[in-house]
Amino acid sequence: MTADVVVRCGKADDVDAMLALEEVFPSDRMSRRSVQHFLKAPTARVLVAESASDAMLGNVIGLRRAHSRAMRIYSLVVAADARGLGIGQKLVAALETLAANEACDRVTLEVRADNAAARALYAKLGYRETEALPGYYEDGSDGLRLSRAIG
């Protein structure tokens, strides 16, 4: 399946499809304004995964502060019906490549402690838990900070 998936930079007309994907999150969903901001922000990298029929299957948003050597995965989402097909892995790999090309030496992220599928994906990709984040999420759920050296 992932051979038929194209990863490209996000663009302004992706907002509605990105917001539709946000519905998979139990809380902390991005607003229209936030998505529009990230698509324009010079510190954000937005990548989307599309099927051969141009259906959005997922997206990843990476953030990088000026002069930082780290890229932070702010959000990674895969459509419910596309899970388990390697879409998340493909998006993370594309963001890591982009980060390495921008002279980053690591990628970091936060993940819900109760999101077993995401934690398994990140562990498979070599991410290591570096910090517990009690009550980190909007609904009071705990989070974990993860990191991976790249490049």
C-alpha atoms as a PDB file:
ATOM      1  CA  MET A   1       0.000   0.000   0.000  1.00  0.00           C
ATOM      2  CA  THR A   2       2.681   2.551   0.908  1.00  0.00           C
ATOM      3  CA  ALA A   3       4.159   2.224  -2.603  1.00  0.00           C
ATOM      4  CA  ASP A   4       0.984   3.912  -3.872  1.00  0.00           C
ATOM      5  CA  VAL A   5       1.238   6.656  -1.249  1.00  0.00           C
ATOM      6  CA  VAL A   6       2.808   9.998  -2.079  1.00  0.00           C
ATOM      7  CA  VAL A   7       4.217  12.237   0.654  1.00  0.00           C
ATOM      8  CA  ARG A   8       4.292  15.917  -0.260  1.00  0.00           C
ATOM      9  CA  CYS A   9       4.435  19.309   1.423  1.00  0.00           C
ATOM     10  CA  GLY A  10       1.136  20.553   2.761  1.00  0.00           C
ATOM     11  CA  LYS A  11      -0.583  23.460   1.043  1.00  0.00           C
ATOM     12  CA  ALA A  12      -3.373  25.915   1.824  1.00  0.00           C
ATOM     13  CA  ASP A  13      -6.122  23.822   0.271  1.00  0.00           C
ATOM     14  CA  ASP A  14      -5.292  20.867   2.574  1.00  0.00           C
ATOM     15  CA  VAL A  15      -6.901  22.537   5.612  1.00  0.00           C
ATOM     16  CA  ASP A  16     -10.296  20.776   5.434  1.00  0.00           C
ATOM     17  CA  ALA A  17      -8.762  17.322   4.914  1.00  0.00           C
ATOM     18  CA  MET A  18      -6.326  17.899   7.778  1.00  0.00           C
ATOM     19  CA  LEU A  19      -9.141  18.999  10.088  1.00  0.00           C
ATOM     20  CA  ALA A  20     -11.154  15.898   9.167  1.00  0.00           C
ATOM     21  CA  LEU A  21      -8.193  13.729  10.220  1.00  0.00           C
ATOM     22  CA  GLU A  22      -8.007  15.567  13.569  1.00  0.00           C
ATOM     23  CA  GLU A  23     -11.319  13.913  14.513  1.00  0.00           C
ATOM     24  CA  VAL A  24      -9.428  10.725  15.410  1.00  0.00           C
ATOM     25  CA  PHE A  25      -7.948  12.454  18.471  1.00  0.00           C
ATOM     26  CA  PRO A  26      -9.927  12.195  21.739  1.00  0.00           C
ATOM     27  CA  SER A  27      -8.791  15.701  22.766  1.00  0.00           C
ATOM     28  CA  ASP A  28      -6.272  18.404  21.881  1.00  0.00           C
ATOM     29  CA  ARG A  29      -7.520  18.739  18.307  1.00  0.00           C
ATOM     30  CA  MET A  30      -6.137  21.537  16.202  1.00  0.00           C
ATOM     31  CA  SER A  31      -8.380  24.394  15.172  1.00  0.00           C
ATOM     32  CA  ARG A  32      -8.772  25.674  11.607  1.00  0.00           C
ATOM     33  CA  ARG A  33      -6.733  28.699  12.609  1.00  0.00           C
ATOM     34  CA  SER A  34      -3.889  26.511  13.928  1.00  0.00           C
ATOM     35  CA  VAL A  35      -3.768  24.379  10.789  1.00  0.00           C
ATOM     36  CA  GLN A  36      -3.738  27.478   8.588  1.00  0.00           C
ATOM     37  CA  HIS A  37      -0.962  28.951  10.733  1.00  0.00           C
ATOM     38  CA  PHE A  38       1.228  25.849  10.486  1.00  0.00           C
ATOM     39  CA  LEU A  39       0.809  25.714   6.707  1.00  0.00           C
ATOM     40  CA  LYS A  40       2.257  29.247   6.466  1.00  0.00           C
ATOM     41  CA  ALA A  41       4.703  29.367   9.376  1.00  0.00           C
ATOM     42  CA  PRO A  42       8.402  29.460   8.431  1.00  0.00           C
ATOM     43  CA  THR A  43       9.219  27.324  11.490  1.00  0.00           C
ATOM     44  CA  ALA A  44       6.724  24.563  10.564  1.00  0.00           C
ATOM     45  CA  ARG A  45       7.095  21.662   8.160  1.00  0.00           C
ATOM     46  CA  VAL A  46       3.798  20.095   7.106  1.00  0.00           C
ATOM     47  CA  LEU A  47       3.855  16.854   5.144  1.00  0.00           C
ATOM     48  CA  VAL A  48       0.789  14.984   3.927  1.00  0.00           C
ATOM     49  CA  ALA A  49       0.374  11.432   2.670  1.00  0.00           C
ATOM     50  CA  GLU A  50      -2.034  10.926  -0.214  1.00  0.00           C
ATOM     51  CA  SER A  51      -3.379   7.876  -1.966  1.00  0.00           C
ATOM     52  CA  ALA A  52      -3.290   7.482  -5.747  1.00  0.00           C
ATOM     53  CA  SER A  53      -6.832   8.925  -5.755  1.00  0.00           C
ATOM     54  CA  ASP A  54      -5.637  12.059  -3.862  1.00  0.00           C
ATOM     55  CA  ALA A  55      -7.360  11.070  -0.598  1.00  0.00           C
ATOM     56  CA  MET A  56      -5.419  12.343   2.405  1.00  0.00           C
ATOM     57  CA  LEU A  57      -4.313   9.360   4.485  1.00  0.00           C
ATOM     58  CA  GLY A  58      -2.300  11.220   7.087  1.00  0.00           C
ATOM     59  CA  ASN A  59      -0.114  14.166   7.918  1.00  0.00           C
ATOM     60  CA  VAL A  60       2.745  15.179  10.136  1.00  0.00           C
ATOM     61  CA  ILE A  61       3.668  18.627  11.420  1.00  0.00           C
ATOM     62  CA  GLY A  62       7.236  19.287  12.447  1.00  0.00           C
ATOM     63  CA  LEU A  63       8.365  22.428  14.256  1.00  0.00           C
ATOM     64  CA  ARG A  64      11.851  23.853  14.454  1.00  0.00           C
ATOM     65  CA  ARG A  65      13.003  26.896  16.344  1.00  0.00           C
ATOM     66  CA  ALA A  66      15.512  29.149  14.635  1.00  0.00           C
ATOM     67  CA  HIS A  67      19.086  27.873  15.102  1.00  0.00           C
ATOM     68  CA  SER A  68      17.870  24.680  16.814  1.00  0.00           C
ATOM     69  CA  ARG A  69      19.345  21.314  15.902  1.00  0.00           C
ATOM     70  CA  ALA A  70      16.108  19.522  16.827  1.00  0.00           C
ATOM     71  CA  MET A  71      12.901  19.038  14.887  1.00  0.00           C
ATOM     72  CA  ARG A  72       9.824  18.443  17.045  1.00  0.00           C
ATOM     73  CA  ILE A  73       6.970  16.320  15.771  1.00  0.00           C
ATOM     74  CA  TYR A  74       4.039  18.449  16.854  1.00  0.00           C
ATOM     75  CA  SER A  75       1.362  16.228  15.351  1.00  0.00           C
ATOM     76  CA  LEU A  76       1.146  12.929  13.487  1.00  0.00           C
ATOM     77  CA  VAL A  77      -2.211  11.589  12.396  1.00  0.00           C
ATOM     78  CA  VAL A  78      -3.235   8.716  10.139  1.00  0.00           C
ATOM     79  CA  ALA A  79      -6.782   8.126   8.901  1.00  0.00           C
ATOM     80  CA  ALA A  80      -8.528   5.374  10.857  1.00  0.00           C
ATOM     81  CA  ASP A  81      -9.029   3.236   7.748  1.00  0.00           C
ATOM     82  CA  ALA A  82      -5.349   3.596   6.755  1.00  0.00           C
ATOM     83  CA  ARG A  83      -3.801   2.499  10.043  1.00  0.00           C
ATOM     84  CA  GLY A  84      -1.437  -0.438   9.993  1.00  0.00           C
ATOM     85  CA  LEU A  85      -0.413   0.235   6.390  1.00  0.00           C
ATOM     86  CA  GLY A  86       2.878   1.982   7.102  1.00  0.00           C
ATOM     87  CA  ILE A  87       1.585   5.527   6.522  1.00  0.00           C
ATOM     88  CA  GLY A  88       2.780   6.853   9.895  1.00  0.00           C
ATOM     89  CA  GLN A  89       6.199   5.290   9.398  1.00  0.00           C
ATOM     90  CA  LYS A  90       6.453   6.833   5.928  1.00  0.00           C
ATOM     91  CA  LEU A  91       5.494  10.288   7.215  1.00  0.00           C
ATOM     92  CA  VAL A  92       7.956  10.154  10.127  1.00  0.00           C
ATOM     93  CA  ALA A  93      10.748   8.970   7.800  1.00  0.00           C
ATOM     94  CA  ALA A  94      10.030  11.831   5.395  1.00  0.00           C
ATOM     95  CA  LEU A  95      10.096  14.370   8.223  1.00  0.00           C
ATOM     96  CA  GLU A  96      13.341  12.902   9.575  1.00  0.00           C
ATOM     97  CA  THR A  97      14.918  13.214   6.111  1.00  0.00           C
ATOM     98  CA  LEU A  98      13.767  16.804   5.848  1.00  0.00           C
ATOM     99  CA  ALA A  99      15.117  17.512   9.353  1.00  0.00           C
ATOM    100  CA  ALA A 100      18.490  15.947   8.533  1.00  0.00           C
ATOM    101  CA  ASN A 101      18.664  18.033   5.354  1.00  0.00           C
ATOM    102  CA  GLU A 102      18.133  21.102   7.543  1.00  0.00           C
ATOM    103  CA  ALA A 103      21.101  20.130   9.767  1.00  0.00           C
ATOM    104  CA  CYS A 104      19.016  18.766  12.648  1.00  0.00           C
ATOM    105  CA  ASP A 105      20.617  16.018  14.711  1.00  0.00           C
ATOM    106  CA  ARG A 106      17.512  14.780  16.529  1.00  0.00           C
ATOM    107  CA  VAL A 107      13.744  14.590  16.398  1.00  0.00           C
ATOM    108  CA  THR A 108      11.619  14.894  19.528  1.00  0.00           C
ATOM    109  CA  LEU A 109       7.923  14.512  20.266  1.00  0.00           C
ATOM    110  CA  GLU A 110       5.305  14.102  22.952  1.00  0.00           C
ATOM    111  CA  VAL A 111       2.837  11.223  22.940  1.00  0.00           C
ATOM    112  CA  ARG A 112      -0.065  10.231  25.152  1.00  0.00           C
ATOM    113  CA  ALA A 113       1.066   7.579  27.612  1.00  0.00           C
ATOM    114  CA  ASP A 114      -2.126   5.611  26.886  1.00  0.00           C
ATOM    115  CA  ASN A 115      -1.629   5.605  23.094  1.00  0.00           C
ATOM    116  CA  ALA A 116      -0.168   2.124  22.734  1.00  0.00           C
ATOM    117  CA  ALA A 117      -0.238   2.125  18.926  1.00  0.00           C
ATOM    118  CA  ALA A 118       1.709   5.390  18.636  1.00  0.00           C
ATOM    119  CA  ARG A 119       4.192   4.326  21.299  1.00  0.00           C
ATOM    120  CA  ALA A 120       4.772   1.027  19.479  1.00  0.00           C
ATOM    121  CA  LEU A 121       5.352   2.857  16.184  1.00  0.00           C
ATOM    122  CA  TYR A 122       7.850   5.254  17.719  1.00  0.00           C
ATOM    123  CA  ALA A 123       9.670   2.437  19.545  1.00  0.00           C
ATOM    124  CA  LYS A 124       9.917   0.518  16.257  1.00  0.00           C
ATOM    125  CA  LEU A 125      11.428   3.638  14.659  1.00  0.00           C
ATOM    126  CA  GLY A 126      14.065   3.970  17.384  1.00  0.00           C
ATOM    127  CA  TYR A 127      12.528   6.668  19.575  1.00  0.00           C
ATOM    128  CA  ARG A 128      13.327   6.455  23.271  1.00  0.00           C
ATOM    129  CA  GLU A 129      11.296   7.780  26.175  1.00  0.00           C
ATOM    130  CA  THR A 130      13.209  10.622  27.840  1.00  0.00           C
ATOM    131  CA  GLU A 131      10.683  12.182  30.214  1.00  0.00           C
ATOM    132  CA  ALA A 132       7.309  11.467  31.842  1.00  0.00           C
ATOM    133  CA  LEU A 133       4.809  14.326  31.519  1.00  0.00           C
ATOM    134  CA  PRO A 134       2.088  13.937  34.179  1.00  0.00           C
ATOM    135  CA  GLY A 135      -1.228  15.606  33.265  1.00  0.00           C
ATOM    136  CA  TYR A 136       0.268  16.917  30.005  1.00  0.00           C
ATOM    137  CA  TYR A 137      -2.824  16.746  27.807  1.00  0.00           C
ATOM    138  CA  GLU A 138      -5.940  18.924  27.776  1.00  0.00           C
ATOM    139  CA  ASP A 139      -8.026  16.128  29.319  1.00  0.00           C
ATOM    140  CA  GLY A 140      -5.462  15.502  32.084  1.00  0.00           C
ATOM    141  CA  SER A 141      -3.945  12.425  30.469  1.00  0.00           C
ATOM    142  CA  ASP A 142      -0.267  11.761  30.995  1.00  0.00           C
ATOM    143  CA  GLY A 143       2.260  12.180  28.235  1.00  0.00           C
ATOM    144  CA  LEU A 144       5.768  11.029  27.434  1.00  0.00           C
ATOM    145  CA  ARG A 145       8.573  12.907  25.715  1.00  0.00           C
ATOM    146  CA  LEU A 146      10.506  10.849  23.176  1.00  0.00           C
ATOM    147  CA  SER A 147      13.675  11.539  21.208  1.00  0.00           C
ATOM    148  CA  ARG A 148      15.716   9.990  18.409  1.00  0.00           C
ATOM    149  CA  ALA A 149      19.117  10.929  17.036  1.00  0.00           C
ATOM    150  CA  ILE A 150      19.166  11.350  13.241  1.00  0.00           C
ATOM    151  CA  GLY A 151      21.663  12.150  10.521  1.00  0.00           C
END
